[in-house]
Protein backbone atom coordinates (compact mmCIF):
# COMPACT_ATOMS: atom_id res chain seq x y z
CA MET A 1 111.70 95.68 85.16
CA ARG A 2 112.90 92.11 84.64
CA PRO A 3 112.89 90.85 81.03
CA TYR A 4 109.86 88.58 81.55
CA GLN A 5 107.93 91.50 83.10
CA GLU A 6 108.74 93.74 80.12
CA SER A 7 107.69 90.98 77.74
CA ALA A 8 104.39 90.48 79.57
CA LEU A 9 103.63 94.21 79.55
CA THR A 10 104.49 94.54 75.85
CA THR A 11 102.20 91.66 74.91
CA LEU A 12 99.40 92.95 77.15
CA ARG A 13 99.51 96.47 75.62
CA LYS A 14 99.54 95.01 72.14
CA ARG A 15 96.51 92.79 72.77
CA LEU A 16 94.58 95.57 74.47
CA LYS A 17 94.78 97.54 71.22
CA GLU A 18 93.87 94.55 69.05
CA THR A 19 90.93 93.01 70.93
CA THR A 20 88.07 93.94 73.25
CA HIS A 21 87.61 90.70 75.19
CA PRO A 22 88.93 90.33 78.80
CA LEU A 23 92.63 89.38 79.03
CA LEU A 24 94.40 87.40 81.74
CA VAL A 25 97.89 87.95 83.10
CA ASP A 26 98.86 84.59 84.68
CA ALA A 27 101.75 85.53 86.99
CA SER A 28 102.76 83.65 90.14
CA VAL A 29 103.43 85.09 93.57
CA GLY A 30 106.81 86.81 93.55
CA SER A 31 106.67 87.53 89.82
CA GLY A 32 106.14 91.24 90.37
CA LYS A 33 102.49 91.54 89.37
CA SER A 34 102.22 94.88 91.17
CA LEU A 35 105.07 96.27 89.04
CA ILE A 36 103.48 95.04 85.79
CA LEU A 37 100.18 96.46 86.98
CA SER A 38 101.70 99.84 87.86
CA GLU A 39 103.45 100.17 84.51
CA LEU A 40 100.19 99.46 82.67
CA LEU A 41 98.22 101.95 84.75
CA LEU A 42 100.95 104.58 84.28
CA VAL A 43 100.57 104.23 80.53
CA MET A 44 96.81 104.81 80.95
CA GLU A 45 97.30 107.91 83.09
CA VAL A 46 99.91 109.48 80.78
CA ALA A 47 97.51 108.93 77.85
CA GLY A 48 94.64 110.60 79.76
CA TYR A 49 92.54 107.45 80.20
CA ARG A 50 90.70 106.51 83.40
CA ALA A 51 91.39 103.16 85.11
CA LEU A 52 90.02 101.32 88.15
CA CYS A 53 92.08 98.62 89.91
CA LEU A 54 90.06 96.29 92.16
CA THR A 55 91.62 94.33 95.03
CA MET A 56 89.91 92.49 97.87
CA ASN A 57 92.45 93.22 100.59
CA SER A 58 92.81 96.75 102.04
CA THR A 59 96.51 96.14 102.81
CA LEU A 60 97.12 95.11 99.20
CA ILE A 61 95.12 98.15 97.97
CA GLN A 62 97.45 100.41 99.90
CA GLN A 63 100.50 98.43 98.78
CA ASN A 64 99.53 98.66 95.09
CA ALA A 65 98.79 102.38 95.41
CA ASP A 66 102.15 102.96 97.11
CA THR A 67 103.98 101.06 94.34
CA TYR A 68 102.16 103.10 91.73
CA GLN A 69 103.03 106.37 93.46
CA SER A 70 106.70 105.35 93.69
CA GLN A 71 106.66 105.11 89.89
CA ASN A 72 105.47 108.73 89.68
CA GLY A 73 101.80 107.84 89.34
CA ASN A 74 99.02 109.86 90.98
CA PRO A 75 96.70 107.28 92.59
CA GLY A 76 93.35 107.72 94.24
CA ILE A 77 91.99 105.22 96.77
CA TYR A 78 88.33 104.20 97.05
CA CYS A 79 88.12 101.95 100.07
CA ALA A 80 85.97 102.30 103.20
CA GLY A 81 88.47 100.29 105.21
CA LEU A 82 91.15 102.90 104.46
CA ASN A 83 88.74 105.81 105.11
CA SER A 84 89.23 107.08 101.58
CA LYS A 85 86.70 107.72 98.79
CA HIS A 86 88.73 109.44 96.03
CA THR A 87 87.14 109.68 92.57
CA LYS A 88 88.89 112.56 90.83
CA GLN A 89 92.21 110.95 89.96
CA LEU A 90 92.55 109.19 86.61
CA VAL A 91 93.71 105.95 88.28
CA ILE A 92 91.72 104.65 91.29
CA PHE A 93 92.68 101.72 93.49
CA GLY A 94 89.50 100.39 95.07
CA SER A 95 87.84 97.72 97.14
CA PRO A 96 85.10 95.85 95.22
CA HIS A 97 82.91 95.96 98.35
CA SER A 98 83.16 99.74 98.50
CA VAL A 99 82.74 100.19 94.74
CA VAL A 100 79.65 97.98 94.51
CA GLN A 101 78.15 99.86 97.47
CA GLY A 102 78.89 103.15 95.65
CA ILE A 103 77.11 101.82 92.56
CA ARG A 104 74.16 100.71 94.65
CA ASN A 105 73.94 104.20 96.25
CA LYS A 106 74.51 105.92 92.88
CA ASP A 107 77.53 107.76 94.33
CA GLU A 108 80.07 109.68 92.25
CA ILE A 109 82.11 106.49 91.69
CA SER A 110 79.16 104.96 89.78
CA ARG A 111 79.33 107.65 87.09
CA GLN A 112 83.08 107.53 86.40
CA PRO A 113 83.83 106.58 82.74
CA PHE A 114 86.56 104.00 83.32
CA ASN A 115 88.31 102.87 80.14
CA LEU A 116 90.08 100.03 81.90
CA ILE A 117 89.22 97.85 84.90
CA VAL A 118 91.98 95.70 86.35
CA VAL A 119 91.00 92.92 88.74
CA ASP A 120 93.81 91.68 90.97
CA GLU A 121 93.39 88.06 92.16
CA CYS A 122 90.77 87.71 89.44
CA HIS A 123 90.11 84.00 90.18
CA ASN A 124 87.59 85.42 92.68
CA ILE A 125 85.30 86.46 89.81
CA SER A 126 82.14 84.31 89.45
CA PRO A 127 81.51 84.80 85.73
CA HIS A 128 78.32 82.75 85.55
CA ASP A 129 76.56 84.66 88.33
CA SER A 130 75.50 88.11 87.18
CA SER A 131 74.42 89.01 90.71
CA SER A 132 77.91 88.39 92.17
CA MET A 133 79.90 91.38 93.38
CA TYR A 134 82.55 91.49 90.62
CA MET A 135 80.08 90.81 87.81
CA ARG A 136 77.80 93.63 89.01
CA ILE A 137 80.75 96.01 88.83
CA LEU A 138 82.03 94.82 85.45
CA ASN A 139 78.52 94.77 83.90
CA HIS A 140 77.73 98.25 85.29
CA TYR A 141 80.82 99.93 83.79
CA GLY A 142 80.60 97.87 80.59
CA LEU A 143 77.01 99.06 80.04
CA LEU A 144 78.03 102.66 80.88
CA ALA A 145 80.74 102.48 78.21
CA GLN A 146 78.25 101.23 75.63
CA GLN A 147 75.81 104.00 76.43
CA GLU A 148 78.41 106.73 76.38
CA GLN A 149 80.32 105.12 73.49
CA TYR A 150 83.87 105.07 74.82
CA SER A 151 86.45 102.24 74.83
CA PHE A 152 86.30 99.75 77.68
CA ARG A 153 88.69 96.88 78.50
CA VAL A 154 89.13 94.38 81.35
CA VAL A 155 92.40 92.82 82.52
CA GLY A 156 92.70 90.18 85.25
CA LEU A 157 95.82 89.21 87.19
CA THR A 158 96.34 86.07 89.25
CA GLY A 159 98.92 83.46 90.05
CA THR A 160 96.25 80.77 90.50
CA PRO A 161 94.18 80.83 87.29
CA TYR A 162 91.68 78.14 88.28
CA ARG A 163 88.70 77.36 90.47
CA GLY A 164 88.01 74.36 92.66
CA LYS A 165 90.08 71.33 91.71
CA GLY A 166 92.06 73.05 88.98
CA ILE A 167 89.26 74.15 86.62
CA SER A 168 90.75 76.86 84.38
CA ILE A 169 89.27 80.36 84.42
CA VAL A 170 90.44 80.90 80.82
CA GLY A 171 88.53 79.56 77.82
CA PRO A 172 85.81 80.15 75.27
CA ASP A 173 83.06 79.63 77.87
CA GLU A 174 84.85 81.57 80.60
CA TYR A 175 84.99 85.32 81.33
CA PHE A 176 88.68 85.54 80.36
CA LYS A 177 89.05 84.44 76.76
CA GLU A 178 92.82 84.82 76.42
CA ARG A 179 95.98 84.38 78.51
CA VAL A 180 98.60 86.93 77.47
CA CYS A 181 101.43 85.44 79.52
CA GLN A 182 102.16 82.56 81.89
CA ILE A 183 104.81 83.10 84.55
CA SER A 184 104.58 79.99 86.77
CA THR A 185 105.95 79.40 90.23
CA SER A 186 108.07 76.45 89.06
CA TRP A 187 109.59 78.60 86.26
CA LEU A 188 110.46 81.39 88.71
CA ILE A 189 112.07 78.86 91.06
CA GLU A 190 114.05 77.35 88.18
CA LYS A 191 115.31 80.79 87.14
CA GLY A 192 116.24 81.76 90.69
CA PHE A 193 113.55 84.38 91.26
CA LEU A 194 111.87 82.40 94.07
CA THR A 195 113.02 80.09 96.85
CA LYS A 196 112.42 76.39 96.32
CA PRO A 197 109.89 74.97 98.82
CA TYR A 198 110.67 71.93 100.95
CA PHE A 199 107.75 69.93 102.32
CA GLY A 200 108.78 68.75 105.76
CA ILE A 201 107.78 65.48 107.41
CA THR A 202 105.21 66.01 110.14
CA LYS A 203 104.64 63.05 112.45
CA THR A 204 101.86 64.86 114.34
CA LYS A 205 98.60 65.32 112.44
CA LEU A 206 95.24 66.95 113.23
CA ASP A 207 92.66 64.49 111.88
CA PHE A 208 90.08 66.36 109.78
CA SER A 209 89.33 63.33 107.58
CA ASP A 210 85.70 63.04 108.75
CA ILE A 211 84.89 66.71 108.02
CA LYS A 212 83.05 67.15 104.72
CA ILE A 213 82.61 70.30 102.68
CA ASN A 214 79.12 71.80 102.57
CA ASN A 215 77.00 72.91 99.59
CA MET A 216 79.09 76.10 99.41
CA SER A 217 82.23 74.00 98.92
CA GLN A 218 83.55 75.05 102.30
CA PHE A 219 84.29 73.46 105.65
CA ASN A 220 81.97 74.23 108.54
CA GLY A 221 83.69 76.30 111.25
CA LYS A 222 81.86 74.57 114.13
CA GLU A 223 82.90 71.15 112.85
CA LEU A 224 86.49 72.30 112.53
CA GLN A 225 86.46 73.66 116.04
CA ALA A 226 85.03 70.38 117.35
CA VAL A 227 88.07 68.54 115.90
CA VAL A 228 90.39 71.16 117.42
CA ASP A 229 88.70 70.86 120.83
CA LYS A 230 89.42 67.14 120.82
CA SER A 231 93.03 67.78 119.82
CA LYS A 232 94.18 70.54 122.23
CA ARG A 233 97.11 68.41 123.30
CA LEU A 234 98.16 67.98 119.65
CA THR A 235 97.92 71.74 119.01
CA ALA A 236 100.17 72.33 122.03
CA GLU A 237 102.64 69.71 120.79
CA ILE A 238 102.73 71.29 117.34
CA MET A 239 103.42 74.73 118.83
CA MET A 240 106.26 73.26 120.89
CA GLU A 241 107.65 71.73 117.74
CA LEU A 242 107.40 75.02 115.81
CA ALA A 243 109.08 76.88 118.67
CA THR A 244 112.17 74.68 118.34
CA ILE A 245 112.51 74.98 114.57
CA ASP A 246 115.52 76.92 113.27
CA CYS A 247 113.73 79.43 111.04
CA THR A 248 113.43 83.16 110.38
CA GLY A 249 109.64 83.35 110.69
CA ILE A 250 106.52 81.17 110.47
CA PHE A 251 103.05 81.78 109.07
CA ILE A 252 100.58 79.63 111.06
CA PHE A 253 97.23 79.00 109.38
CA ALA A 254 94.78 77.98 112.11
CA SER A 255 91.29 76.54 111.77
CA THR A 256 89.21 79.09 113.72
CA LYS A 257 89.62 82.29 115.73
CA LYS A 258 89.49 80.25 118.95
CA HIS A 259 92.15 77.95 117.52
CA CYS A 260 94.34 81.05 116.90
CA GLU A 261 94.20 81.82 120.61
CA GLU A 262 95.22 78.27 121.46
CA CYS A 263 98.17 78.47 119.12
CA LEU A 264 99.22 81.80 120.64
CA ARG A 265 99.23 80.32 124.16
CA GLY A 266 101.62 77.57 123.02
CA LEU A 267 104.33 79.94 121.67
CA PRO A 268 107.00 81.93 123.52
CA TYR A 269 105.50 85.10 125.01
CA GLY A 270 105.94 88.26 122.97
CA THR A 271 107.07 86.47 119.77
CA ALA A 272 103.68 85.84 118.16
CA ALA A 273 100.65 87.85 116.97
CA ILE A 274 97.20 87.07 115.59
CA ILE A 275 95.61 88.63 112.51
CA THR A 276 92.01 87.83 111.57
CA GLY A 277 89.35 89.54 109.47
CA ASP A 278 88.39 91.55 112.58
CA THR A 279 91.87 93.04 113.07
CA PRO A 280 91.71 96.83 112.40
CA HIS A 281 93.77 98.05 109.46
CA HIS A 282 96.16 100.13 111.58
CA GLU A 283 96.77 97.20 113.99
CA ARG A 284 97.31 94.81 111.11
CA LYS A 285 99.79 97.23 109.56
CA ARG A 286 101.70 97.49 112.86
CA ILE A 287 101.89 93.70 113.29
CA LEU A 288 103.10 93.12 109.72
CA GLU A 289 105.77 95.80 110.05
CA SER A 290 106.94 94.15 113.30
CA ALA A 291 107.20 90.85 111.42
CA ARG A 292 109.18 92.46 108.59
CA GLN A 293 111.64 93.82 111.14
CA GLY A 294 112.03 90.39 112.75
CA ALA A 295 110.49 91.40 116.09
CA THR A 296 107.45 89.12 115.56
CA LYS A 297 108.47 85.60 114.59
CA TYR A 298 105.07 83.85 114.42
CA LEU A 299 102.04 85.20 112.56
CA ILE A 300 98.83 83.29 113.35
CA SER A 301 95.78 83.81 111.17
CA VAL A 302 92.52 82.35 109.99
CA GLY A 303 91.15 83.42 106.62
CA CYS A 304 93.96 85.97 106.23
CA LEU A 305 97.60 86.28 105.22
CA VAL A 306 97.36 83.81 102.30
CA VAL A 307 97.30 86.70 99.81
CA GLY A 308 98.51 90.30 99.70
CA VAL A 309 101.17 89.86 102.39
CA ASP A 310 104.79 90.50 101.52
CA ILE A 311 107.21 89.42 104.26
CA PRO A 312 110.23 87.95 102.42
CA LEU A 313 112.02 87.24 105.74
CA PHE A 314 109.55 84.46 106.67
CA ASP A 315 110.68 81.08 105.51
CA THR A 316 108.11 78.62 106.92
CA CYS A 317 104.34 78.11 106.75
CA ALA A 318 102.47 75.67 108.96
CA TRP A 319 98.97 74.46 108.06
CA LEU A 320 96.82 73.59 111.06
CA ARG A 321 93.59 73.84 109.09
CA PRO A 322 92.18 71.90 106.18
CA THR A 323 91.43 73.97 103.11
CA GLU A 324 89.01 72.90 100.42
CA SER A 325 90.53 75.50 98.10
CA LEU A 326 93.61 74.65 96.04
CA VAL A 327 93.86 78.39 95.34
CA LEU A 328 94.26 79.21 99.06
CA TYR A 329 96.66 76.34 99.60
CA THR A 330 98.89 77.43 96.73
CA GLN A 331 98.76 81.08 97.76
CA GLY A 332 99.59 80.19 101.38
CA ILE A 333 102.66 78.29 100.25
CA GLY A 334 103.58 81.28 98.07
CA ARG A 335 103.93 83.50 101.18
CA VAL A 336 107.29 81.90 101.99
CA LEU A 337 108.79 81.64 98.51
CA ARG A 338 110.08 85.24 98.16
CA LEU A 339 113.83 85.71 98.16
CA HIS A 340 115.63 87.12 101.20
CA PRO A 341 119.36 87.17 102.00
CA ASN A 342 118.78 85.62 105.46
CA LYS A 343 116.96 82.50 104.27
CA SER A 344 118.20 79.55 102.24
CA ARG A 345 114.97 77.65 101.59
CA ALA A 346 111.23 77.72 102.19
CA THR A 347 109.57 75.03 104.35
CA VAL A 348 105.96 73.89 104.23
CA LEU A 349 104.66 71.95 107.24
CA ASP A 350 101.26 70.42 106.68
CA TYR A 351 99.62 69.19 109.89
CA ALA A 352 96.11 68.99 108.36
CA GLY A 353 96.52 66.64 105.41
CA ASN A 354 96.09 69.25 102.67
CA LEU A 355 98.81 67.83 100.46
CA GLU A 356 96.97 64.51 100.26
CA ARG A 357 93.64 66.34 99.92
CA HIS A 358 94.82 68.22 96.78
CA GLY A 359 97.22 65.61 95.51
CA ASP A 360 95.38 64.98 92.23
CA ILE A 361 96.51 68.31 90.70
CA ASP A 362 99.11 68.27 87.91
CA ASP A 363 101.43 70.94 89.41
CA PRO A 364 105.22 70.49 89.45
CA ILE A 365 105.57 71.72 93.05
CA ILE A 366 102.84 69.47 94.41
CA ASN A 367 104.07 66.57 92.27
CA GLU A 368 107.53 66.84 93.86
CA ALA A 369 106.10 67.24 97.33
CA LEU A 370 104.15 63.98 96.99
CA GLN A 371 107.30 61.95 96.35
CA PRO A 372 108.74 59.89 99.27
CA LYS A 373 110.78 61.97 101.73
CA GLU A 374 112.83 58.99 102.95
CA PRO A 375 114.53 56.21 100.97
CA ASN A 376 112.51 52.99 100.83
CA ASP A 377 109.61 54.56 102.72
CA PRO A 378 107.35 51.60 103.62
CA GLU A 379 104.28 53.80 103.15
CA TYR A 380 104.89 53.75 99.38
CA CYS A 381 103.81 50.20 98.53
CA ILE A 382 100.93 50.43 96.02
CA PRO A 383 102.15 50.11 92.39
CA CYS A 384 100.44 52.05 89.61
CA TRP A 385 99.16 49.76 86.86
CA THR A 386 99.99 52.44 84.26
CA CYS A 387 103.53 53.58 85.12
CA SER A 388 104.57 51.20 87.98
CA THR A 389 105.33 54.07 90.37
CA LEU A 390 104.86 53.20 94.04
CA ASN A 391 102.14 55.14 95.89
CA THR A 392 100.86 55.28 99.45
CA VAL A 393 97.66 53.49 100.45
CA HIS A 394 96.05 56.95 100.75
CA SER A 395 96.74 57.97 97.13
CA ARG A 396 93.71 58.67 94.97
CA ARG A 397 95.85 59.55 91.91
CA CYS A 398 99.26 58.16 90.98
CA ILE A 399 102.17 60.43 91.91
CA GLY A 400 104.34 59.21 89.00
CA ILE A 401 105.61 61.51 86.27
CA VAL A 402 105.09 60.41 82.64
CA GLY A 403 107.04 62.65 80.27
CA ASP A 404 106.62 66.16 81.68
CA SER A 405 103.21 65.57 83.23
CA ARG A 406 101.61 63.82 86.16
CA CYS A 407 100.48 60.23 85.55
CA SER A 408 96.76 60.25 84.78
CA HIS A 409 96.00 56.95 86.55
CA TYR A 410 93.43 57.24 89.35
CA PHE A 411 92.99 54.65 92.10
CA GLU A 412 89.61 56.18 93.00
CA PHE A 413 87.70 58.38 90.58
CA LYS A 414 84.50 59.84 89.27
CA GLU A 415 84.04 59.25 85.56
CA CYS A 416 82.59 61.98 83.36
CA ALA A 417 80.31 61.34 80.43
CA CYS A 418 83.23 62.34 78.19
CA GLY A 419 85.22 59.37 79.57
CA THR A 420 87.66 61.43 81.68
CA GLN A 421 88.60 60.15 85.11
CA ASN A 422 88.40 62.84 87.83
CA ASP A 423 89.24 62.94 91.51
CA ILE A 424 86.40 61.75 93.76
CA THR A 425 86.03 65.22 95.31
CA SER A 426 85.75 67.02 91.95
CA ARG A 427 82.50 68.76 91.08
CA GLU A 428 83.52 69.53 87.51
CA CYS A 429 85.35 67.48 84.86
CA ARG A 430 89.00 68.49 84.58
CA ILE A 431 88.83 68.24 80.78
CA CYS A 432 85.39 69.33 79.59
CA GLY A 433 84.37 71.34 82.68
CA LYS A 434 80.92 69.77 82.92
CA GLU A 435 79.33 69.16 86.31
CA LEU A 436 79.95 65.63 87.55
CA ILE A 437 76.79 63.70 88.43
CA ASP A 438 76.56 62.12 91.85
CA PRO A 439 76.92 58.36 91.17
CA ASN A 440 74.29 57.70 93.83
CA ALA A 441 71.81 60.17 92.40
CA LYS A 442 69.88 57.55 90.40
CA LEU A 443 69.99 55.12 93.26
CA ASN A 444 68.58 57.73 95.64
CA ARG A 445 65.54 58.21 93.43
CA TYR A 446 64.54 54.61 93.95
CA THR A 447 65.46 54.45 97.61
CA ARG A 448 62.45 54.07 99.88
CA SER A 449 64.22 54.36 103.21
CA THR A 450 67.31 53.34 105.17
CA LYS A 451 67.60 50.59 107.71
CA GLU A 452 70.15 50.09 110.49
CA LEU A 453 71.00 46.46 111.10
CA THR A 454 73.08 44.85 113.86
CA VAL A 455 75.51 42.29 112.46
CA LEU A 456 75.55 38.94 114.30
CA GLU A 457 77.86 37.04 111.97
CA ALA A 458 79.75 37.52 108.68
CA VAL A 459 80.72 34.75 106.23
CA TYR A 460 83.46 35.51 103.69
CA GLU A 461 84.15 33.46 100.54
CA ALA A 462 86.36 33.81 97.44
CA SER A 463 85.59 32.00 94.19
CA MET A 464 86.17 32.34 90.44
CA LEU A 465 83.94 34.59 88.34
CA GLY A 466 82.80 32.34 85.49
CA HIS A 467 85.12 31.99 82.51
CA THR A 468 87.02 35.20 83.41
CA TYR A 469 89.12 33.36 86.05
CA ALA A 470 89.05 36.57 88.12
CA PRO A 471 88.36 36.22 91.83
CA ILE A 472 85.03 37.39 93.29
CA ILE A 473 84.67 38.02 97.01
CA LYS A 474 81.24 37.20 98.45
CA ILE A 475 80.09 38.30 101.91
CA LYS A 476 76.97 37.20 103.74
CA TYR A 477 75.99 39.29 106.81
CA VAL A 478 73.61 37.57 109.20
CA CYS A 479 71.81 40.37 111.05
CA SER A 480 69.33 40.75 113.87
CA GLY A 481 65.70 40.07 113.08
CA GLY A 482 66.57 37.15 110.84
CA ILE A 483 67.67 39.48 108.00
CA THR A 484 70.54 38.48 105.67
CA VAL A 485 72.46 41.01 103.57
CA TYR A 486 74.79 40.08 100.71
CA GLU A 487 77.75 41.90 99.12
CA ASN A 488 79.85 40.96 96.11
CA TYR A 489 83.22 42.44 95.11
CA LEU A 490 84.69 41.81 91.66
CA THR A 491 88.27 41.96 90.32
CA ASN A 492 87.70 41.40 86.59
CA THR A 493 88.32 45.03 85.58
CA GLU A 494 90.56 47.84 86.76
CA ARG A 495 87.56 49.79 88.05
CA ALA A 496 86.28 46.71 89.87
CA ARG A 497 89.65 46.13 91.52
CA GLN A 498 89.74 49.76 92.69
CA ILE A 499 86.30 49.42 94.26
CA THR A 500 87.16 46.09 95.91
CA TYR A 501 90.37 47.45 97.38
CA ASN A 502 88.83 50.68 98.70
CA LYS A 503 85.44 49.35 99.81
CA PHE A 504 86.43 45.93 101.13
CA ILE A 505 90.13 45.23 101.62
CA LYS A 506 91.02 48.63 103.15
CA LEU A 507 88.04 48.43 105.50
CA HIS A 508 88.21 44.80 106.60
CA CYS A 509 91.94 43.93 106.56
CA GLU A 510 94.54 44.92 109.20
CA LYS A 511 97.30 45.22 106.57
CA PRO A 512 95.50 46.00 103.31
CA SER A 513 98.49 47.12 101.27
CA LYS A 514 100.12 43.66 101.19
CA HIS A 515 97.07 42.25 99.36
CA TYR A 516 96.93 44.92 96.65
CA ARG A 517 99.33 43.20 94.25
CA HIS A 518 97.55 39.85 94.48
CA MET A 519 93.91 40.72 93.83
CA MET A 520 93.90 38.73 90.53
CA ASN A 521 95.17 35.57 92.30
CA ILE A 522 92.32 33.37 93.58
CA TYR A 523 94.63 31.49 95.97
CA ALA A 524 95.94 34.74 97.47
CA MET A 525 92.38 36.04 97.96
CA LYS A 526 91.31 32.79 99.66
CA ALA A 527 94.36 32.97 101.91
CA MET A 528 93.51 36.57 102.77
CA LEU A 529 90.00 35.57 103.89
CA GLU A 530 91.17 32.48 105.78
CA GLU A 531 94.39 33.68 107.42
CA GLU A 532 93.87 37.46 107.89
CA THR A 533 92.11 38.62 111.03
CA LEU A 534 89.27 40.33 109.25
CA LYS A 535 87.43 43.24 110.83
CA THR A 536 83.67 42.66 110.80
CA PRO A 537 81.29 45.63 111.10
CA TYR A 538 79.00 45.65 114.08
CA GLU A 539 76.34 47.60 112.23
CA LEU A 540 75.23 48.11 108.63
CA ILE A 541 73.32 51.10 107.30
CA CYS A 542 71.39 49.87 104.28
CA SER A 543 69.22 51.49 101.63
CA VAL A 544 65.86 49.81 101.07
CA THR A 545 65.28 50.10 97.33
CA GLU A 546 62.54 48.85 95.04
CA TYR A 547 61.42 45.27 95.65
CA ASP A 548 62.74 45.64 99.26
CA ARG A 549 66.30 45.01 98.17
CA LEU A 550 68.93 45.91 100.80
CA THR A 551 72.07 47.70 99.61
CA VAL A 552 74.93 48.41 102.03
CA ARG A 553 75.63 52.15 102.19
CA LYS A 554 77.81 52.33 105.28
CA LYS A 555 79.58 49.96 107.69
CA LYS A 556 80.37 50.77 111.31
CA PHE A 557 83.42 49.18 112.93
CA HIS A 558 84.63 49.10 116.52
CA GLU A 559 87.76 51.21 117.05
């Protein structure tokens, strides 16, 4: 074992003796979690204790069991996908789906007195939902231990110890109360245990910007496929580009199963293979072994291969799908970071805008990836008011580094009741963890209806806001039916300037970035309105609130 692995195991064993609450091993991809796990389980078996190790992926279940057996352990496997339902061995490697079904059916597995349950990729646990799969298992065996009066402990392992937009899974209100070690990806790269990732420049992009996540915090497959169907030429161009890259192997993360087939058709015959959730275990095993031997150069997948896949030879991953999950994005990148003598670096190619989508996270790898790839890149033209770092017009959070951390300045944000600024896509506060209220929620309560209005003419004016000497932009929309709608945009506070830039200047101006620095200058704002060719919406969608007041909710522009 490496020194950091020995240290983690020593601390873990010590804390298991001293406390009863669930413990977390925070260890990145490539840190050797399976080795730490096996050593811990071997200690349990030698001492005569029973342990259950839960893993979502059947390939990873087999892989963990094989690692354990190679260390002279005697593993049992309880997984329907592997056609195995062992319960007699002291250490069982199981699928949570199979185990929860066994509990439901009151099979032999439901009566086993496990002293330790280890959950691999434990960020999948939903601690606040007692009816969720993992919590049903943990509560069942915890209650059994109380009734039978024997010791019971829980250990979780993950390299991504957070949910959603970086909300930690460790804390006094979370299931895991304590982190026994922290072996980060950036630390492993610094110490030479992982390959440093390089985020390549991709000129071709699949535009998923109009696709919104649903109530389950996921993208809709039909909507993704609709975007792909409109971009078949782009998919073909991307495959041609990937086929010319000098690399040892590429993971291709597609949007849908149909998209996988389109990717396959664009690659050299016989060099690529598809793995999805429907791929049988034996076929999946054959394909992965072919990739390890170098016979298969391109692995195409949807919903697979971001975790539990160990192919150190592969040095590139290409994202052709948007992912709402920072966990999946980080794990997908991790697939190409493992060391191999035939590769010099790992390359990440993002054709779906995920880097920008998750760019508000304070992570050293993502922070570095957000920096300009070319000297004096004209895209980086928006200065941060906090640290003066230049950002792109698409930035929601500043990419600057202040001390050892990411700059906390947001260009667009949701503000929590605790005063913390959060990314506009966040559902929970990054500091206090409370649910963020929809800023339109109160407005919606007083909204009677919506009205669509055709714009006939727009009049733009800039003037001074009272004694503040800050410019105010006033717009009067003359609409069909003799209706007039008014909008005002302020610049007297930082928040007001952010709203004005994002809701007016970016929408109405051909070159919005050149006006960003001059929003406090009344003469510059007047010149912008008089000299710039402003884009006027052809239609307004307005909310009709109390007292028949019209509030602009959406503007439609001609392409």
